[in-house]
Amino acid sequence: DLAYCFINYVVSYIPFWCIRKILYKICGLKLGINSRINMRVTLYSPWKIVIGNNTIVNERCLLDGRGGLCIGDNCSVSFNSFIYSASHYTSSNTFESFTKQTVIGNGVWLCVNSVILPGTKISDFCIIGAGSILSGQTTPKGIYIGNPAIYKKEREVNHISMNINYYFR
C-alpha cells in the first residue's frame, strides 16, 4: 500500500537521520532518546513498533510491527537482521497469516544476519549469534547461536558493564 511504499522506498533512503526520524515518528514509530534507525531499513506497521533509548538498528534490517514489536534500551541490531511478528500457518492450505508480539529486552545484541521469529521473547543482555535463527524465549545474559539458535553459555558481564547507560554519557 501507499504507506508501505512511502516508508520503505522514500523515507528509508533519505540520507539525513534528523529528517528520517521526524517522518518515522509521524508514521507512528515510537523511538527513544539517542536511538537511531540507519538507512535502508524495512518497516512493516511502524505504528506498532516501540524502540527504547540508546538503541541502534543498522542498515538493511527488517522490523515487522504487524503483531507488535518492542525493542528495549541499549540494543544493537546488526546489519541485515530480520525481526518478525507475523508469519503464516504451515498447516493451512491457503497459508493463513497470524501475528504474535515479539519482545527484545535491554542490552541485547543481534549479530549480523540474525533472524528473530514471531512471538520470540529475548531476555535482557542476551547475544544472538551471527546467522542464528531464534524462536521462543531466552534466559537473561544467554548467548544463543545456530539454526535453530540454542543456548551456548552465559554472557560474562559484570555490574559495571551491565549499566550500559554509563557508556552513553
C-alpha atoms as a PDB file:
ATOM      1  CA  ASP A   1       0.000   0.000   0.000  1.00  0.00           C
ATOM      2  CA  LEU A   2       0.954   3.662  -0.166  1.00  0.00           C
ATOM      3  CA  ALA A   3       2.229   3.957   3.442  1.00  0.00           C
ATOM      4  CA  TYR A   4       4.497   0.911   3.000  1.00  0.00           C
ATOM      5  CA  CYS A   5       5.970   2.325  -0.216  1.00  0.00           C
ATOM      6  CA  PHE A   6       6.481   5.788   1.283  1.00  0.00           C
ATOM      7  CA  ILE A   7       8.222   4.471   4.420  1.00  0.00           C
ATOM      8  CA  ASN A   8      10.403   1.863   2.731  1.00  0.00           C
ATOM      9  CA  TYR A   9      11.171   3.384  -0.684  1.00  0.00           C
ATOM     10  CA  VAL A  10      11.310   7.079   0.180  1.00  0.00           C
ATOM     11  CA  VAL A  11      11.907   7.658   3.902  1.00  0.00           C
ATOM     12  CA  SER A  12      14.447   4.857   4.411  1.00  0.00           C
ATOM     13  CA  TYR A  13      16.619   6.271   1.593  1.00  0.00           C
ATOM     14  CA  ILE A  14      16.787   9.820   2.957  1.00  0.00           C
ATOM     15  CA  PRO A  15      20.465  10.332   3.901  1.00  0.00           C
ATOM     16  CA  PHE A  16      19.734  12.660   6.812  1.00  0.00           C
ATOM     17  CA  TRP A  17      18.808  10.969  10.097  1.00  0.00           C
ATOM     18  CA  CYS A  18      17.034  14.026  11.523  1.00  0.00           C
ATOM     19  CA  ILE A  19      14.583  14.033   8.594  1.00  0.00           C
ATOM     20  CA  ARG A  20      14.035  10.241   8.670  1.00  0.00           C
ATOM     21  CA  LYS A  21      13.400  10.426  12.420  1.00  0.00           C
ATOM     22  CA  ILE A  22      10.689  13.073  12.037  1.00  0.00           C
ATOM     23  CA  LEU A  23       8.965  11.123   9.255  1.00  0.00           C
ATOM     24  CA  TYR A  24       9.140   7.826  11.181  1.00  0.00           C
ATOM     25  CA  LYS A  25       7.560   9.490  14.208  1.00  0.00           C
ATOM     26  CA  ILE A  26       4.821  10.997  12.018  1.00  0.00           C
ATOM     27  CA  CYS A  27       4.145   7.433  10.793  1.00  0.00           C
ATOM     28  CA  GLY A  28       3.659   6.353  14.428  1.00  0.00           C
ATOM     29  CA  LEU A  29       7.008   4.748  15.276  1.00  0.00           C
ATOM     30  CA  LYS A  30       7.863   5.232  18.952  1.00  0.00           C
ATOM     31  CA  LEU A  31      11.587   5.907  19.198  1.00  0.00           C
ATOM     32  CA  GLY A  32      13.552   6.520  22.390  1.00  0.00           C
ATOM     33  CA  ILE A  33      16.221   9.115  23.141  1.00  0.00           C
ATOM     34  CA  ASN A  34      19.543   8.658  21.279  1.00  0.00           C
ATOM     35  CA  SER A  35      18.152   5.750  19.246  1.00  0.00           C
ATOM     36  CA  ARG A  36      18.724   5.573  15.527  1.00  0.00           C
ATOM     37  CA  ILE A  37      17.500   3.642  12.516  1.00  0.00           C
ATOM     38  CA  ASN A  38      20.053   3.658   9.728  1.00  0.00           C
ATOM     39  CA  MET A  39      19.217   3.872   6.036  1.00  0.00           C
ATOM     40  CA  ARG A  40      17.555   1.076   4.045  1.00  0.00           C
ATOM     41  CA  VAL A  41      15.691  -0.483   6.977  1.00  0.00           C
ATOM     42  CA  THR A  42      12.362  -2.060   6.002  1.00  0.00           C
ATOM     43  CA  LEU A  43       9.444  -1.415   8.362  1.00  0.00           C
ATOM     44  CA  TYR A  44       6.064  -3.130   8.488  1.00  0.00           C
ATOM     45  CA  SER A  45       3.387  -1.317  10.552  1.00  0.00           C
ATOM     46  CA  PRO A  46       5.729   1.201  12.226  1.00  0.00           C
ATOM     47  CA  TRP A  47       2.848   2.438  14.417  1.00  0.00           C
ATOM     48  CA  LYS A  48       3.121  -0.917  16.268  1.00  0.00           C
ATOM     49  CA  ILE A  49       6.885  -0.646  16.884  1.00  0.00           C
ATOM     50  CA  VAL A  50       8.418   0.690  20.109  1.00  0.00           C
ATOM     51  CA  ILE A  51      12.191   1.185  20.370  1.00  0.00           C
ATOM     52  CA  GLY A  52      13.813   2.185  23.663  1.00  0.00           C
ATOM     53  CA  ASN A  53      16.675   4.586  24.373  1.00  0.00           C
ATOM     54  CA  ASN A  54      20.239   4.301  23.020  1.00  0.00           C
ATOM     55  CA  THR A  55      19.331   1.558  20.531  1.00  0.00           C
ATOM     56  CA  ILE A  56      20.709   1.300  17.016  1.00  0.00           C
ATOM     57  CA  VAL A  57      19.201  -0.537  14.059  1.00  0.00           C
ATOM     58  CA  ASN A  58      21.773  -0.891  11.290  1.00  0.00           C
ATOM     59  CA  GLU A  59      21.304  -0.926   7.520  1.00  0.00           C
ATOM     60  CA  ARG A  60      19.241  -3.496   5.627  1.00  0.00           C
ATOM     61  CA  CYS A  61      17.359  -4.759   8.680  1.00  0.00           C
ATOM     62  CA  LEU A  62      13.670  -5.618   8.717  1.00  0.00           C
ATOM     63  CA  LEU A  63      11.416  -4.636  11.619  1.00  0.00           C
ATOM     64  CA  ASP A  64       7.966  -6.228  11.457  1.00  0.00           C
ATOM     65  CA  GLY A  65       5.463  -4.447  13.680  1.00  0.00           C
ATOM     66  CA  ARG A  66       2.303  -6.175  12.413  1.00  0.00           C
ATOM     67  CA  GLY A  67       1.937  -8.241  15.607  1.00  0.00           C
ATOM     68  CA  GLY A  68       3.647  -5.693  17.831  1.00  0.00           C
ATOM     69  CA  LEU A  69       7.393  -5.252  18.268  1.00  0.00           C
ATOM     70  CA  CYS A  70       9.174  -3.905  21.342  1.00  0.00           C
ATOM     71  CA  ILE A  71      12.947  -3.398  21.378  1.00  0.00           C
ATOM     72  CA  GLY A  72      14.461  -2.318  24.702  1.00  0.00           C
ATOM     73  CA  ASP A  73      17.137   0.169  25.692  1.00  0.00           C
ATOM     74  CA  ASN A  74      20.828  -0.082  24.720  1.00  0.00           C
ATOM     75  CA  CYS A  75      20.350  -2.686  21.982  1.00  0.00           C
ATOM     76  CA  SER A  76      22.318  -3.238  18.807  1.00  0.00           C
ATOM     77  CA  VAL A  77      20.563  -4.744  15.798  1.00  0.00           C
ATOM     78  CA  SER A  78      23.359  -5.586  13.386  1.00  0.00           C
ATOM     79  CA  PHE A  79      23.388  -5.312   9.593  1.00  0.00           C
ATOM     80  CA  ASN A  80      20.853  -7.452   7.722  1.00  0.00           C
ATOM     81  CA  SER A  81      18.976  -8.768  10.776  1.00  0.00           C
ATOM     82  CA  PHE A  82      15.264  -9.572  10.477  1.00  0.00           C
ATOM     83  CA  ILE A  83      12.771  -9.334  13.351  1.00  0.00           C
ATOM     84  CA  TYR A  84       9.324 -10.746  12.581  1.00  0.00           C
ATOM     85  CA  SER A  85       5.995 -10.539  14.428  1.00  0.00           C
ATOM     86  CA  ALA A  86       3.862 -12.131  11.702  1.00  0.00           C
ATOM     87  CA  SER A  87       4.026 -15.252   9.561  1.00  0.00           C
ATOM     88  CA  HIS A  88       1.842 -17.968   8.019  1.00  0.00           C
ATOM     89  CA  TYR A  89       0.406 -21.218   9.366  1.00  0.00           C
ATOM     90  CA  THR A  90       2.207 -24.135   7.746  1.00  0.00           C
ATOM     91  CA  SER A  91      -0.843 -26.386   8.189  1.00  0.00           C
ATOM     92  CA  SER A  92      -3.110 -24.070   6.203  1.00  0.00           C
ATOM     93  CA  ASN A  93      -3.835 -24.848   2.566  1.00  0.00           C
ATOM     94  CA  THR A  94      -4.196 -21.100   1.945  1.00  0.00           C
ATOM     95  CA  PHE A  95      -1.254 -20.056   4.136  1.00  0.00           C
ATOM     96  CA  GLU A  96      -3.403 -18.019   6.520  1.00  0.00           C
ATOM     97  CA  SER A  97      -1.379 -15.457   8.392  1.00  0.00           C
ATOM     98  CA  PHE A  98      -1.007 -14.916  12.115  1.00  0.00           C
ATOM     99  CA  THR A  99       0.588 -12.258  14.297  1.00  0.00           C
ATOM    100  CA  LYS A 100       2.378 -12.623  17.610  1.00  0.00           C
ATOM    101  CA  GLN A 101       4.143  -9.896  19.583  1.00  0.00           C
ATOM    102  CA  THR A 102       7.940 -10.051  19.582  1.00  0.00           C
ATOM    103  CA  VAL A 103       9.846  -8.568  22.520  1.00  0.00           C
ATOM    104  CA  ILE A 104      13.565  -7.824  22.760  1.00  0.00           C
ATOM    105  CA  GLY A 105      14.888  -6.882  26.199  1.00  0.00           C
ATOM    106  CA  ASN A 106      17.515  -4.331  27.243  1.00  0.00           C
ATOM    107  CA  GLY A 107      21.197  -4.604  26.323  1.00  0.00           C
ATOM    108  CA  VAL A 108      20.601  -7.202  23.594  1.00  0.00           C
ATOM    109  CA  TRP A 109      22.926  -7.627  20.632  1.00  0.00           C
ATOM    110  CA  LEU A 110      21.512  -9.230  17.488  1.00  0.00           C
ATOM    111  CA  CYS A 111      24.582 -10.102  15.439  1.00  0.00           C
ATOM    112  CA  VAL A 112      24.740  -9.803  11.654  1.00  0.00           C
ATOM    113  CA  ASN A 113      22.175 -11.814   9.647  1.00  0.00           C
ATOM    114  CA  SER A 114      20.208 -12.965  12.693  1.00  0.00           C
ATOM    115  CA  VAL A 115      16.520 -13.827  12.292  1.00  0.00           C
ATOM    116  CA  ILE A 116      14.028 -13.471  15.136  1.00  0.00           C
ATOM    117  CA  LEU A 117      10.716 -15.254  14.552  1.00  0.00           C
ATOM    118  CA  PRO A 118       7.217 -14.138  15.651  1.00  0.00           C
ATOM    119  CA  GLY A 119       6.407 -14.423  19.349  1.00  0.00           C
ATOM    120  CA  THR A 120      10.034 -14.601  20.453  1.00  0.00           C
ATOM    121  CA  LYS A 121      10.928 -13.038  23.795  1.00  0.00           C
ATOM    122  CA  ILE A 122      14.619 -12.209  24.221  1.00  0.00           C
ATOM    123  CA  SER A 123      15.654 -11.547  27.818  1.00  0.00           C
ATOM    124  CA  ASP A 124      17.960  -8.719  28.918  1.00  0.00           C
ATOM    125  CA  PHE A 125      21.653  -8.774  27.934  1.00  0.00           C
ATOM    126  CA  CYS A 126      21.417 -11.706  25.501  1.00  0.00           C
ATOM    127  CA  ILE A 127      23.518 -12.102  22.386  1.00  0.00           C
ATOM    128  CA  ILE A 128      22.081 -13.805  19.314  1.00  0.00           C
ATOM    129  CA  GLY A 129      24.974 -15.007  17.167  1.00  0.00           C
ATOM    130  CA  ALA A 130      25.650 -14.206  13.535  1.00  0.00           C
ATOM    131  CA  GLY A 131      23.340 -16.072  11.175  1.00  0.00           C
ATOM    132  CA  SER A 132      21.253 -17.518  14.015  1.00  0.00           C
ATOM    133  CA  ILE A 133      17.526 -18.141  13.753  1.00  0.00           C
ATOM    134  CA  LEU A 134      15.738 -17.784  17.090  1.00  0.00           C
ATOM    135  CA  SER A 135      12.232 -18.722  18.154  1.00  0.00           C
ATOM    136  CA  GLY A 136      10.847 -18.960  21.680  1.00  0.00           C
ATOM    137  CA  GLN A 137      12.111 -17.479  24.925  1.00  0.00           C
ATOM    138  CA  THR A 138      15.643 -16.945  26.191  1.00  0.00           C
ATOM    139  CA  THR A 139      17.244 -16.704  29.620  1.00  0.00           C
ATOM    140  CA  PRO A 140      18.903 -13.449  30.775  1.00  0.00           C
ATOM    141  CA  LYS A 141      22.530 -12.947  29.647  1.00  0.00           C
ATOM    142  CA  GLY A 142      22.361 -16.016  27.406  1.00  0.00           C
ATOM    143  CA  ILE A 143      24.404 -16.401  24.238  1.00  0.00           C
ATOM    144  CA  TYR A 144      22.444 -18.234  21.538  1.00  0.00           C
ATOM    145  CA  ILE A 145      23.894 -19.470  18.262  1.00  0.00           C
ATOM    146  CA  GLY A 146      22.925 -21.615  15.299  1.00  0.00           C
ATOM    147  CA  ASN A 147      19.931 -22.649  13.245  1.00  0.00           C
ATOM    148  CA  PRO A 148      17.858 -23.184  15.247  1.00  0.00           C
ATOM    149  CA  ALA A 149      19.554 -20.995  17.837  1.00  0.00           C
ATOM    150  CA  ILE A 150      20.447 -22.878  21.008  1.00  0.00           C
ATOM    151  CA  TYR A 151      21.840 -21.727  24.321  1.00  0.00           C
ATOM    152  CA  LYS A 152      25.641 -21.826  24.269  1.00  0.00           C
ATOM    153  CA  LYS A 153      26.660 -20.183  27.547  1.00  0.00           C
ATOM    154  CA  GLU A 154      26.019 -17.261  29.865  1.00  0.00           C
ATOM    155  CA  ARG A 155      27.353 -13.896  28.837  1.00  0.00           C
ATOM    156  CA  GLU A 156      30.078 -12.692  31.171  1.00  0.00           C
ATOM    157  CA  VAL A 157      29.091  -9.170  32.126  1.00  0.00           C
ATOM    158  CA  ASN A 158      29.778  -7.550  35.467  1.00  0.00           C
ATOM    159  CA  HIS A 159      27.695  -4.997  37.318  1.00  0.00           C
ATOM    160  CA  ILE A 160      29.636  -2.079  35.787  1.00  0.00           C
ATOM    161  CA  SER A 161      29.244  -3.130  32.149  1.00  0.00           C
ATOM    162  CA  MET A 162      25.603  -4.071  32.755  1.00  0.00           C
ATOM    163  CA  ASN A 163      24.931  -0.388  33.440  1.00  0.00           C
ATOM    164  CA  ILE A 164      25.070   0.341  29.718  1.00  0.00           C
ATOM    165  CA  ASN A 165      23.905   3.947  30.202  1.00  0.00           C
ATOM    166  CA  TYR A 166      27.376   4.641  31.605  1.00  0.00           C
ATOM    167  CA  TYR A 167      28.805   4.380  28.077  1.00  0.00           C
ATOM    168  CA  PHE A 168      26.286   6.781  26.521  1.00  0.00           C
ATOM    169  CA  ARG A 169      27.100   9.864  28.644  1.00  0.00           C
END
